[in-house]
Amino acid sequence: MERIAIIGTGLIGRSWAMVFARAGHAVTMWDAEPRAAAAAQGIIAERLADLAAQGLLADAPDAIAARIGVAPTMEACLAGADFVQENGPERLEPKRAIFAAMDALCPQHVILSSSTSGIPASQFTETLAGRARCLVSHPVNPPYLVPLVELVGAPWTAPETIECTRRIMAAAGMVPVTAHKETRGFVLNRLQAALVAEAFRLVKAGVMSVEDIDACVKHGLGLRWAFMGPFETCDLNAPGGIPDYADRYGPMLHALTEEMPPYDFDAPTVAEVNRQRRENLPTDQVAARSAWRDRELMALLRHKASRT
């Protein structure tokens, strides 16, 4: 099993630690804030207990937690690592500094991967001697519950870097997808942006309430999308498949998308959406609702696993 180094122990970093440790890897974490790394171990223990309660762990939680250690320095964390998952600040200059440090410290066979949500690898690896072993592995939050991970290389990322990362991710229970070129925000965020922007636009236009728009997704689109993507949905929703779907619904969809200009998330609409959300879920109940969401995701994962 590869030795995994986790740089940054926030929500995404500690989630990755669980992903790799439950797959049997030895994991070492480091954070520039020592208290954050120490706190991460306690949170990980709690989340592993939740997963065990849902029957989603092959090993005992304590055995998985024992595979995760904390290093006092970045150098110590990277020592002996075969694969590095970076989870630092979502800002370009810190990303450049972290990757420059990792590139200088790690032997050339070590893959350097970033969890960035939208910064292309080309923007923070171009000047590195080892830039061919760098890529983005963009997860969905939180990756220990949502298995998709987008692998996005820079123009100079070596094919074997992508192939090895796919192997490591798949073996860890993730579902890796590979982008053939860099795009702003990567693919999942672009798909999400289209729906979220239209949801805000519909509220702004007074078409429907926040609660009812959420219902359209969780009781409508979301039921299908938990098992099928948009292309499979289209293929199954017309007798003649994709060409038939395009003939039947293409003109309508074209007309709809013409009505969807870029949306700027104007302050009054953001405030109105927030007002409606806080009416439905007061601030002091957000943490409990987040924990409920995670349990529901675990139950969905268990159900999907039973159907494969």
C-alpha atoms as a PDB file:
ATOM      1  CA  MET A   1       0.000   0.000   0.000  1.00  0.00           C
ATOM      2  CA  GLU A   2       1.226   3.488  -0.805  1.00  0.00           C
ATOM      3  CA  ARG A   3       2.086   5.846   2.021  1.00  0.00           C
ATOM      4  CA  ILE A   4      -0.137   8.924   1.812  1.00  0.00           C
ATOM      5  CA  ALA A   5       0.725  12.425   3.008  1.00  0.00           C
ATOM      6  CA  ILE A   6      -2.120  14.862   3.741  1.00  0.00           C
ATOM      7  CA  ILE A   7      -1.174  18.542   3.730  1.00  0.00           C
ATOM      8  CA  GLY A   8      -3.870  20.598   5.452  1.00  0.00           C
ATOM      9  CA  THR A   9      -6.307  19.049   7.932  1.00  0.00           C
ATOM     10  CA  GLY A  10      -9.524  20.989   7.451  1.00  0.00           C
ATOM     11  CA  LEU A  11     -12.769  19.310   6.368  1.00  0.00           C
ATOM     12  CA  ILE A  12     -11.384  18.105   3.042  1.00  0.00           C
ATOM     13  CA  GLY A  13      -7.971  17.077   4.384  1.00  0.00           C
ATOM     14  CA  ARG A  14      -9.316  14.956   7.216  1.00  0.00           C
ATOM     15  CA  SER A  15     -11.910  13.457   4.851  1.00  0.00           C
ATOM     16  CA  TRP A  16      -9.103  12.354   2.521  1.00  0.00           C
ATOM     17  CA  ALA A  17      -7.258  10.883   5.491  1.00  0.00           C
ATOM     18  CA  MET A  18     -10.299   8.697   6.221  1.00  0.00           C
ATOM     19  CA  VAL A  19     -10.652   7.701   2.561  1.00  0.00           C
ATOM     20  CA  PHE A  20      -7.075   6.473   2.318  1.00  0.00           C
ATOM     21  CA  ALA A  21      -6.832   4.958   5.810  1.00  0.00           C
ATOM     22  CA  ARG A  22      -9.991   2.874   5.431  1.00  0.00           C
ATOM     23  CA  ALA A  23      -8.475   1.516   2.191  1.00  0.00           C
ATOM     24  CA  GLY A  24      -5.468   0.296   4.192  1.00  0.00           C
ATOM     25  CA  HIS A  25      -2.962   3.042   3.493  1.00  0.00           C
ATOM     26  CA  ALA A  26      -0.661   4.484   6.127  1.00  0.00           C
ATOM     27  CA  VAL A  27      -1.550   8.188   6.311  1.00  0.00           C
ATOM     28  CA  THR A  28       0.388  11.090   7.790  1.00  0.00           C
ATOM     29  CA  MET A  29      -1.225  14.507   8.231  1.00  0.00           C
ATOM     30  CA  TRP A  30       0.319  17.926   8.703  1.00  0.00           C
ATOM     31  CA  ASP A  31      -1.183  21.372   9.115  1.00  0.00           C
ATOM     32  CA  ALA A  32       0.486  24.750   9.463  1.00  0.00           C
ATOM     33  CA  GLU A  33      -1.735  25.194  12.515  1.00  0.00           C
ATOM     34  CA  PRO A  34      -0.731  22.412  14.967  1.00  0.00           C
ATOM     35  CA  ARG A  35      -3.993  22.611  16.891  1.00  0.00           C
ATOM     36  CA  ALA A  36      -5.944  21.949  13.684  1.00  0.00           C
ATOM     37  CA  ALA A  37      -4.057  18.711  13.051  1.00  0.00           C
ATOM     38  CA  ALA A  38      -4.586  17.533  16.625  1.00  0.00           C
ATOM     39  CA  ALA A  39      -8.296  18.372  16.484  1.00  0.00           C
ATOM     40  CA  ALA A  40      -8.612  16.519  13.171  1.00  0.00           C
ATOM     41  CA  GLN A  41      -7.789  13.210  14.835  1.00  0.00           C
ATOM     42  CA  GLY A  42     -10.701  13.557  17.246  1.00  0.00           C
ATOM     43  CA  ILE A  43     -13.122  14.511  14.476  1.00  0.00           C
ATOM     44  CA  ILE A  44     -11.922  11.594  12.362  1.00  0.00           C
ATOM     45  CA  ALA A  45     -12.592   9.185  15.230  1.00  0.00           C
ATOM     46  CA  GLU A  46     -16.160  10.503  15.514  1.00  0.00           C
ATOM     47  CA  ARG A  47     -16.820  10.209  11.766  1.00  0.00           C
ATOM     48  CA  LEU A  48     -15.390   6.698  11.604  1.00  0.00           C
ATOM     49  CA  ALA A  49     -17.747   5.665  14.413  1.00  0.00           C
ATOM     50  CA  ASP A  50     -20.667   7.071  12.377  1.00  0.00           C
ATOM     51  CA  LEU A  51     -19.559   5.100   9.316  1.00  0.00           C
ATOM     52  CA  ALA A  52     -19.253   1.920  11.366  1.00  0.00           C
ATOM     53  CA  ALA A  53     -22.751   2.418  12.752  1.00  0.00           C
ATOM     54  CA  GLN A  54     -24.034   2.496   9.176  1.00  0.00           C
ATOM     55  CA  GLY A  55     -22.118  -0.654   8.249  1.00  0.00           C
ATOM     56  CA  LEU A  56     -19.861   1.217   5.835  1.00  0.00           C
ATOM     57  CA  LEU A  57     -16.471   0.090   7.190  1.00  0.00           C
ATOM     58  CA  ALA A  58     -14.737  -3.206   6.518  1.00  0.00           C
ATOM     59  CA  ASP A  59     -12.372  -2.702   9.482  1.00  0.00           C
ATOM     60  CA  ALA A  60     -12.922  -1.538  13.033  1.00  0.00           C
ATOM     61  CA  PRO A  61     -12.882   2.261  13.433  1.00  0.00           C
ATOM     62  CA  ASP A  62      -9.984   2.095  15.904  1.00  0.00           C
ATOM     63  CA  ALA A  63      -7.912   0.077  13.425  1.00  0.00           C
ATOM     64  CA  ILE A  64      -8.510   2.646  10.688  1.00  0.00           C
ATOM     65  CA  ALA A  65      -7.779   5.577  13.012  1.00  0.00           C
ATOM     66  CA  ALA A  66      -4.515   3.893  14.024  1.00  0.00           C
ATOM     67  CA  ARG A  67      -3.300   4.184  10.422  1.00  0.00           C
ATOM     68  CA  ILE A  68      -3.502   7.995  10.609  1.00  0.00           C
ATOM     69  CA  GLY A  69      -0.688   9.910  12.253  1.00  0.00           C
ATOM     70  CA  VAL A  70       0.196  13.577  12.670  1.00  0.00           C
ATOM     71  CA  ALA A  71       3.614  14.977  11.763  1.00  0.00           C
ATOM     72  CA  PRO A  72       5.153  18.037  13.449  1.00  0.00           C
ATOM     73  CA  THR A  73       6.528  19.482  10.189  1.00  0.00           C
ATOM     74  CA  MET A  74       5.815  19.356   6.480  1.00  0.00           C
ATOM     75  CA  GLU A  75       9.169  17.674   5.948  1.00  0.00           C
ATOM     76  CA  ALA A  76       8.294  14.906   8.394  1.00  0.00           C
ATOM     77  CA  CYS A  77       4.868  14.468   6.831  1.00  0.00           C
ATOM     78  CA  LEU A  78       6.307  14.067   3.331  1.00  0.00           C
ATOM     79  CA  ALA A  79       9.127  11.739   4.358  1.00  0.00           C
ATOM     80  CA  GLY A  80       8.552   8.330   2.781  1.00  0.00           C
ATOM     81  CA  ALA A  81       5.290   9.355   1.085  1.00  0.00           C
ATOM     82  CA  ASP A  82       4.336   7.913  -2.306  1.00  0.00           C
ATOM     83  CA  PHE A  83       1.332  10.186  -2.887  1.00  0.00           C
ATOM     84  CA  VAL A  84       0.529  13.647  -1.515  1.00  0.00           C
ATOM     85  CA  GLN A  85      -2.928  15.213  -1.299  1.00  0.00           C
ATOM     86  CA  GLU A  86      -2.713  18.965  -0.645  1.00  0.00           C
ATOM     87  CA  ASN A  87      -5.655  20.781   0.961  1.00  0.00           C
ATOM     88  CA  GLY A  88      -4.300  24.257   1.639  1.00  0.00           C
ATOM     89  CA  PRO A  89      -5.936  27.668   1.264  1.00  0.00           C
ATOM     90  CA  GLU A  90      -7.958  28.226  -1.893  1.00  0.00           C
ATOM     91  CA  ARG A  91      -5.690  31.065  -3.033  1.00  0.00           C
ATOM     92  CA  LEU A  92      -3.134  31.044  -5.800  1.00  0.00           C
ATOM     93  CA  GLU A  93      -0.033  32.361  -4.035  1.00  0.00           C
ATOM     94  CA  PRO A  94      -0.254  29.984  -1.031  1.00  0.00           C
ATOM     95  CA  LYS A  95      -0.866  27.144  -3.488  1.00  0.00           C
ATOM     96  CA  ARG A  96       2.266  28.063  -5.432  1.00  0.00           C
ATOM     97  CA  ALA A  97       4.328  28.243  -2.257  1.00  0.00           C
ATOM     98  CA  ILE A  98       3.097  24.876  -0.949  1.00  0.00           C
ATOM     99  CA  PHE A  99       3.721  23.100  -4.244  1.00  0.00           C
ATOM    100  CA  ALA A 100       7.170  24.654  -4.591  1.00  0.00           C
ATOM    101  CA  ALA A 101       8.042  23.376  -1.111  1.00  0.00           C
ATOM    102  CA  MET A 102       6.631  19.919  -1.803  1.00  0.00           C
ATOM    103  CA  ASP A 103       8.388  19.698  -5.157  1.00  0.00           C
ATOM    104  CA  ALA A 104      11.699  20.511  -3.491  1.00  0.00           C
ATOM    105  CA  LEU A 105      11.196  17.990  -0.681  1.00  0.00           C
ATOM    106  CA  CYS A 106       9.731  14.975  -2.490  1.00  0.00           C
ATOM    107  CA  PRO A 107      11.582  12.513  -4.749  1.00  0.00           C
ATOM    108  CA  GLN A 108      10.479  12.636  -8.373  1.00  0.00           C
ATOM    109  CA  HIS A 109       8.342   9.484  -8.192  1.00  0.00           C
ATOM    110  CA  VAL A 110       5.985  11.045  -5.636  1.00  0.00           C
ATOM    111  CA  ILE A 111       2.697  12.338  -7.082  1.00  0.00           C
ATOM    112  CA  LEU A 112       1.651  15.795  -5.887  1.00  0.00           C
ATOM    113  CA  SER A 113      -2.112  16.244  -5.998  1.00  0.00           C
ATOM    114  CA  SER A 114      -4.278  19.215  -5.020  1.00  0.00           C
ATOM    115  CA  SER A 115      -7.869  19.299  -3.763  1.00  0.00           C
ATOM    116  CA  THR A 116      -8.405  22.817  -5.120  1.00  0.00           C
ATOM    117  CA  SER A 117     -11.997  23.575  -6.073  1.00  0.00           C
ATOM    118  CA  GLY A 118     -11.211  25.777  -9.034  1.00  0.00           C
ATOM    119  CA  ILE A 119      -7.556  26.748  -9.525  1.00  0.00           C
ATOM    120  CA  PRO A 120      -6.075  24.937 -12.549  1.00  0.00           C
ATOM    121  CA  ALA A 121      -2.851  23.051 -11.885  1.00  0.00           C
ATOM    122  CA  SER A 122      -1.173  25.019 -14.674  1.00  0.00           C
ATOM    123  CA  GLN A 123      -1.397  28.158 -12.533  1.00  0.00           C
ATOM    124  CA  PHE A 124       0.634  26.813  -9.603  1.00  0.00           C
ATOM    125  CA  THR A 125       2.944  24.178 -11.143  1.00  0.00           C
ATOM    126  CA  GLU A 126       4.335  25.759 -14.318  1.00  0.00           C
ATOM    127  CA  THR A 127       7.755  26.671 -12.899  1.00  0.00           C
ATOM    128  CA  LEU A 128       8.318  23.453 -10.940  1.00  0.00           C
ATOM    129  CA  ALA A 129      11.065  21.017 -11.901  1.00  0.00           C
ATOM    130  CA  GLY A 130       8.684  18.150 -11.151  1.00  0.00           C
ATOM    131  CA  ARG A 131       5.611  19.636 -12.765  1.00  0.00           C
ATOM    132  CA  ALA A 132       4.904  16.438 -14.730  1.00  0.00           C
ATOM    133  CA  ARG A 133       3.948  14.660 -11.479  1.00  0.00           C
ATOM    134  CA  CYS A 134       1.432  17.351 -10.421  1.00  0.00           C
ATOM    135  CA  LEU A 135      -2.331  17.390 -10.932  1.00  0.00           C
ATOM    136  CA  VAL A 136      -5.644  18.368  -9.382  1.00  0.00           C
ATOM    137  CA  SER A 137      -7.764  15.684  -7.716  1.00  0.00           C
ATOM    138  CA  HIS A 138     -10.930  17.679  -7.090  1.00  0.00           C
ATOM    139  CA  PRO A 139     -13.281  15.930  -4.643  1.00  0.00           C
ATOM    140  CA  VAL A 140     -16.913  16.502  -3.786  1.00  0.00           C
ATOM    141  CA  ASN A 141     -17.467  17.614  -0.207  1.00  0.00           C
ATOM    142  CA  PRO A 142     -17.072  15.498   1.864  1.00  0.00           C
ATOM    143  CA  PRO A 143     -15.031  12.913  -0.079  1.00  0.00           C
ATOM    144  CA  TYR A 144     -15.360  10.188   2.559  1.00  0.00           C
ATOM    145  CA  LEU A 145     -19.098  10.148   1.757  1.00  0.00           C
ATOM    146  CA  VAL A 146     -19.258  11.322  -1.885  1.00  0.00           C
ATOM    147  CA  PRO A 147     -16.884   9.195  -3.948  1.00  0.00           C
ATOM    148  CA  LEU A 148     -16.495  11.225  -7.150  1.00  0.00           C
ATOM    149  CA  VAL A 149     -13.079  12.787  -7.752  1.00  0.00           C
ATOM    150  CA  GLU A 150     -12.133  14.784 -10.860  1.00  0.00           C
ATOM    151  CA  LEU A 151      -8.573  14.264 -12.090  1.00  0.00           C
ATOM    152  CA  VAL A 152      -7.410  17.339 -13.980  1.00  0.00           C
ATOM    153  CA  GLY A 153      -3.856  17.626 -15.190  1.00  0.00           C
ATOM    154  CA  ALA A 154      -2.008  20.635 -16.545  1.00  0.00           C
ATOM    155  CA  PRO A 155      -0.843  20.498 -20.189  1.00  0.00           C
ATOM    156  CA  TRP A 156       2.470  19.108 -18.911  1.00  0.00           C
ATOM    157  CA  THR A 157       1.111  16.517 -16.483  1.00  0.00           C
ATOM    158  CA  ALA A 158       2.456  13.106 -17.495  1.00  0.00           C
ATOM    159  CA  PRO A 159      -0.127  10.488 -18.576  1.00  0.00           C
ATOM    160  CA  GLU A 160       1.368   8.049 -16.080  1.00  0.00           C
ATOM    161  CA  THR A 161       0.649  10.571 -13.299  1.00  0.00           C
ATOM    162  CA  ILE A 162      -3.040  10.498 -14.207  1.00  0.00           C
ATOM    163  CA  GLU A 163      -3.061   6.715 -14.625  1.00  0.00           C
ATOM    164  CA  CYS A 164      -1.382   6.081 -11.271  1.00  0.00           C
ATOM    165  CA  THR A 165      -3.707   8.519  -9.507  1.00  0.00           C
ATOM    166  CA  ARG A 166      -6.743   6.815 -11.048  1.00  0.00           C
ATOM    167  CA  ARG A 167      -5.490   3.483  -9.753  1.00  0.00           C
ATOM    168  CA  ILE A 168      -4.880   4.811  -6.237  1.00  0.00           C
ATOM    169  CA  MET A 169      -8.253   6.571  -6.107  1.00  0.00           C
ATOM    170  CA  ALA A 170     -10.217   3.606  -7.467  1.00  0.00           C
ATOM    171  CA  ALA A 171      -8.511   1.236  -5.043  1.00  0.00           C
ATOM    172  CA  ALA A 172      -9.482   3.593  -2.220  1.00  0.00           C
ATOM    173  CA  GLY A 173     -13.155   3.306  -3.168  1.00  0.00           C
ATOM    174  CA  MET A 174     -13.386   6.585  -5.061  1.00  0.00           C
ATOM    175  CA  VAL A 175     -14.883   7.055  -8.532  1.00  0.00           C
ATOM    176  CA  PRO A 176     -12.235   8.903 -10.557  1.00  0.00           C
ATOM    177  CA  VAL A 177     -13.160  10.774 -13.730  1.00  0.00           C
ATOM    178  CA  THR A 178     -10.538  12.317 -15.999  1.00  0.00           C
ATOM    179  CA  ALA A 179     -10.742  15.715 -17.686  1.00  0.00           C
ATOM    180  CA  HIS A 180      -8.977  15.833 -21.060  1.00  0.00           C
ATOM    181  CA  LYS A 181      -8.243  19.538 -20.667  1.00  0.00           C
ATOM    182  CA  GLU A 182      -8.379  22.249 -17.993  1.00  0.00           C
ATOM    183  CA  THR A 183     -11.547  24.324 -17.656  1.00  0.00           C
ATOM    184  CA  ARG A 184     -12.429  27.042 -15.188  1.00  0.00           C
ATOM    185  CA  GLY A 185     -14.024  25.421 -12.145  1.00  0.00           C
ATOM    186  CA  PHE A 186     -13.655  21.888 -13.554  1.00  0.00           C
ATOM    187  CA  VAL A 187     -16.646  19.872 -14.752  1.00  0.00           C
ATOM    188  CA  LEU A 188     -18.685  19.172 -11.612  1.00  0.00           C
ATOM    189  CA  ASN A 189     -18.642  22.817 -10.542  1.00  0.00           C
ATOM    190  CA  ARG A 190     -19.695  23.920 -14.017  1.00  0.00           C
ATOM    191  CA  LEU A 191     -22.657  21.553 -13.971  1.00  0.00           C
ATOM    192  CA  GLN A 192     -23.557  22.690 -10.473  1.00  0.00           C
ATOM    193  CA  ALA A 193     -23.154  26.372 -11.399  1.00  0.00           C
ATOM    194  CA  ALA A 194     -25.788  26.117 -14.130  1.00  0.00           C
ATOM    195  CA  LEU A 195     -28.408  24.744 -11.737  1.00  0.00           C
ATOM    196  CA  VAL A 196     -27.538  26.980  -8.773  1.00  0.00           C
ATOM    197  CA  ALA A 197     -27.503  30.156 -10.869  1.00  0.00           C
ATOM    198  CA  GLU A 198     -30.866  29.304 -12.389  1.00  0.00           C
ATOM    199  CA  ALA A 199     -32.297  28.574  -8.926  1.00  0.00           C
ATOM    200  CA  PHE A 200     -31.282  32.036  -7.703  1.00  0.00           C
ATOM    201  CA  ARG A 201     -32.583  33.615 -10.921  1.00  0.00           C
ATOM    202  CA  LEU A 202     -36.004  31.985 -10.439  1.00  0.00           C
ATOM    203  CA  VAL A 203     -36.214  33.335  -6.885  1.00  0.00           C
ATOM    204  CA  LYS A 204     -35.233  36.804  -8.115  1.00  0.00           C
ATOM    205  CA  ALA A 205     -37.995  36.662 -10.744  1.00  0.00           C
ATOM    206  CA  GLY A 206     -40.548  35.622  -8.127  1.00  0.00           C
ATOM    207  CA  VAL A 207     -41.310  32.350  -9.908  1.00  0.00           C
ATOM    208  CA  MET A 208     -41.081  30.020  -6.888  1.00  0.00           C
ATOM    209  CA  SER A 209     -40.029  29.958  -3.244  1.00  0.00           C
ATOM    210  CA  VAL A 210     -36.630  28.716  -2.074  1.00  0.00           C
ATOM    211  CA  GLU A 211     -38.209  25.744  -0.314  1.00  0.00           C
ATOM    212  CA  ASP A 212     -40.185  24.653  -3.371  1.00  0.00           C
ATOM    213  CA  ILE A 213     -37.196  24.987  -5.715  1.00  0.00           C
ATOM    214  CA  ASP A 214     -35.243  22.754  -3.341  1.00  0.00           C
ATOM    215  CA  ALA A 215     -38.151  20.305  -3.494  1.00  0.00           C
ATOM    216  CA  CYS A 216     -37.949  20.256  -7.308  1.00  0.00           C
ATOM    217  CA  VAL A 217     -34.418  18.907  -7.003  1.00  0.00           C
ATOM    218  CA  LYS A 218     -34.572  16.601  -3.981  1.00  0.00           C
ATOM    219  CA  HIS A 219     -37.948  15.053  -4.895  1.00  0.00           C
ATOM    220  CA  GLY A 220     -37.534  15.302  -8.670  1.00  0.00           C
ATOM    221  CA  LEU A 221     -34.205  15.604 -10.434  1.00  0.00           C
ATOM    222  CA  GLY A 222     -32.221  14.355  -7.458  1.00  0.00           C
ATOM    223  CA  LEU A 223     -33.981  10.986  -7.352  1.00  0.00           C
ATOM    224  CA  ARG A 224     -32.879  10.197 -10.888  1.00  0.00           C
ATOM    225  CA  TRP A 225     -29.479  11.828 -10.527  1.00  0.00           C
ATOM    226  CA  ALA A 226     -28.578   9.644  -7.561  1.00  0.00           C
ATOM    227  CA  PHE A 227     -28.319   6.753 -10.051  1.00  0.00           C
ATOM    228  CA  MET A 228     -28.047   8.264 -13.542  1.00  0.00           C
ATOM    229  CA  GLY A 229     -26.298  11.203 -15.153  1.00  0.00           C
ATOM    230  CA  PRO A 230     -27.901  13.651 -17.609  1.00  0.00           C
ATOM    231  CA  PHE A 231     -26.945  11.724 -20.748  1.00  0.00           C
ATOM    232  CA  GLU A 232     -28.298   8.399 -19.480  1.00  0.00           C
ATOM    233  CA  THR A 233     -31.456  10.209 -18.360  1.00  0.00           C
ATOM    234  CA  CYS A 234     -31.912  11.676 -21.827  1.00  0.00           C
ATOM    235  CA  ASP A 235     -31.212   8.315 -23.453  1.00  0.00           C
ATOM    236  CA  LEU A 236     -33.916   6.606 -21.390  1.00  0.00           C
ATOM    237  CA  ASN A 237     -36.476   9.408 -21.666  1.00  0.00           C
ATOM    238  CA  ALA A 238     -37.069   9.100 -25.408  1.00  0.00           C
ATOM    239  CA  PRO A 239     -37.934   5.888 -27.278  1.00  0.00           C
ATOM    240  CA  GLY A 240     -35.262   6.501 -29.903  1.00  0.00           C
ATOM    241  CA  GLY A 241     -32.503   7.442 -27.490  1.00  0.00           C
ATOM    242  CA  ILE A 242     -30.317  10.538 -27.741  1.00  0.00           C
ATOM    243  CA  PRO A 243     -31.211  11.555 -31.335  1.00  0.00           C
ATOM    244  CA  ASP A 244     -34.911  11.200 -30.545  1.00  0.00           C
ATOM    245  CA  TYR A 245     -34.491  13.207 -27.324  1.00  0.00           C
ATOM    246  CA  ALA A 246     -32.715  15.999 -29.224  1.00  0.00           C
ATOM    247  CA  ASP A 247     -35.489  16.061 -31.847  1.00  0.00           C
ATOM    248  CA  ARG A 248     -38.264  16.102 -29.246  1.00  0.00           C
ATOM    249  CA  TYR A 249     -36.828  18.459 -26.629  1.00  0.00           C
ATOM    250  CA  GLY A 250     -33.879  20.206 -28.242  1.00  0.00           C
ATOM    251  CA  PRO A 251     -35.853  23.253 -29.488  1.00  0.00           C
ATOM    252  CA  MET A 252     -37.464  23.762 -26.061  1.00  0.00           C
ATOM    253  CA  LEU A 253     -34.122  23.424 -24.223  1.00  0.00           C
ATOM    254  CA  HIS A 254     -32.491  25.803 -26.684  1.00  0.00           C
ATOM    255  CA  ALA A 255     -35.197  28.395 -26.017  1.00  0.00           C
ATOM    256  CA  LEU A 256     -34.839  27.944 -22.257  1.00  0.00           C
ATOM    257  CA  THR A 257     -31.068  28.343 -22.274  1.00  0.00           C
ATOM    258  CA  GLU A 258     -31.407  31.526 -24.342  1.00  0.00           C
ATOM    259  CA  GLU A 259     -33.271  32.968 -21.336  1.00  0.00           C
ATOM    260  CA  MET A 260     -30.371  32.150 -18.986  1.00  0.00           C
ATOM    261  CA  PRO A 261     -27.769  34.928 -19.192  1.00  0.00           C
ATOM    262  CA  PRO A 262     -24.853  34.985 -16.705  1.00  0.00           C
ATOM    263  CA  TYR A 263     -26.103  35.618 -13.184  1.00  0.00           C
ATOM    264  CA  ASP A 264     -24.218  37.897 -10.783  1.00  0.00           C
ATOM    265  CA  PHE A 265     -25.673  36.745  -7.425  1.00  0.00           C
ATOM    266  CA  ASP A 266     -26.978  40.223  -6.616  1.00  0.00           C
ATOM    267  CA  ALA A 267     -27.085  41.138  -2.932  1.00  0.00           C
ATOM    268  CA  PRO A 268     -30.881  41.592  -2.620  1.00  0.00           C
ATOM    269  CA  THR A 269     -31.596  38.105  -3.991  1.00  0.00           C
ATOM    270  CA  VAL A 270     -28.880  36.522  -1.874  1.00  0.00           C
ATOM    271  CA  ALA A 271     -30.402  38.210   1.172  1.00  0.00           C
ATOM    272  CA  GLU A 272     -33.892  36.982   0.251  1.00  0.00           C
ATOM    273  CA  VAL A 273     -32.706  33.401  -0.259  1.00  0.00           C
ATOM    274  CA  ASN A 274     -30.926  33.561   3.097  1.00  0.00           C
ATOM    275  CA  ARG A 275     -34.038  34.947   4.796  1.00  0.00           C
ATOM    276  CA  GLN A 276     -36.154  32.087   3.507  1.00  0.00           C
ATOM    277  CA  ARG A 277     -33.532  29.504   4.457  1.00  0.00           C
ATOM    278  CA  ARG A 278     -33.213  30.850   8.012  1.00  0.00           C
ATOM    279  CA  GLU A 279     -36.982  30.778   8.366  1.00  0.00           C
ATOM    280  CA  ASN A 280     -36.856  27.114   7.421  1.00  0.00           C
ATOM    281  CA  LEU A 281     -33.654  26.318   9.326  1.00  0.00           C
ATOM    282  CA  PRO A 282     -32.545  28.680  12.133  1.00  0.00           C
ATOM    283  CA  THR A 283     -28.824  29.237  12.467  1.00  0.00           C
ATOM    284  CA  ASP A 284     -28.569  27.283  15.707  1.00  0.00           C
ATOM    285  CA  GLN A 285     -29.916  24.183  13.932  1.00  0.00           C
ATOM    286  CA  VAL A 286     -27.488  24.188  10.967  1.00  0.00           C
ATOM    287  CA  ALA A 287     -24.892  21.908  12.611  1.00  0.00           C
ATOM    288  CA  ALA A 288     -27.513  19.303  13.502  1.00  0.00           C
ATOM    289  CA  ARG A 289     -28.942  19.417   9.988  1.00  0.00           C
ATOM    290  CA  SER A 290     -25.435  18.964   8.535  1.00  0.00           C
ATOM    291  CA  ALA A 291     -24.978  15.863  10.697  1.00  0.00           C
ATOM    292  CA  TRP A 292     -28.353  14.595   9.473  1.00  0.00           C
ATOM    293  CA  ARG A 293     -27.239  15.173   5.861  1.00  0.00           C
ATOM    294  CA  ASP A 294     -24.132  13.075   6.460  1.00  0.00           C
ATOM    295  CA  ARG A 295     -26.170  10.225   7.957  1.00  0.00           C
ATOM    296  CA  GLU A 296     -28.546  10.323   4.998  1.00  0.00           C
ATOM    297  CA  LEU A 297     -25.600  10.196   2.600  1.00  0.00           C
ATOM    298  CA  MET A 298     -24.288   7.167   4.486  1.00  0.00           C
ATOM    299  CA  ALA A 299     -27.654   5.451   4.182  1.00  0.00           C
ATOM    300  CA  LEU A 300     -27.746   6.234   0.453  1.00  0.00           C
ATOM    301  CA  LEU A 301     -24.240   4.843   0.016  1.00  0.00           C
ATOM    302  CA  ARG A 302     -25.262   1.663   1.822  1.00  0.00           C
ATOM    303  CA  HIS A 303     -28.321   1.338  -0.415  1.00  0.00           C
ATOM    304  CA  LYS A 304     -26.346   1.910  -3.621  1.00  0.00           C
ATOM    305  CA  ALA A 305     -23.711  -0.599  -2.539  1.00  0.00           C
ATOM    306  CA  SER A 306     -26.422  -3.196  -1.974  1.00  0.00           C
ATOM    307  CA  ARG A 307     -27.706  -2.724  -5.538  1.00  0.00           C
ATOM    308  CA  THR A 308     -24.391  -3.228  -7.357  1.00  0.00           C
END
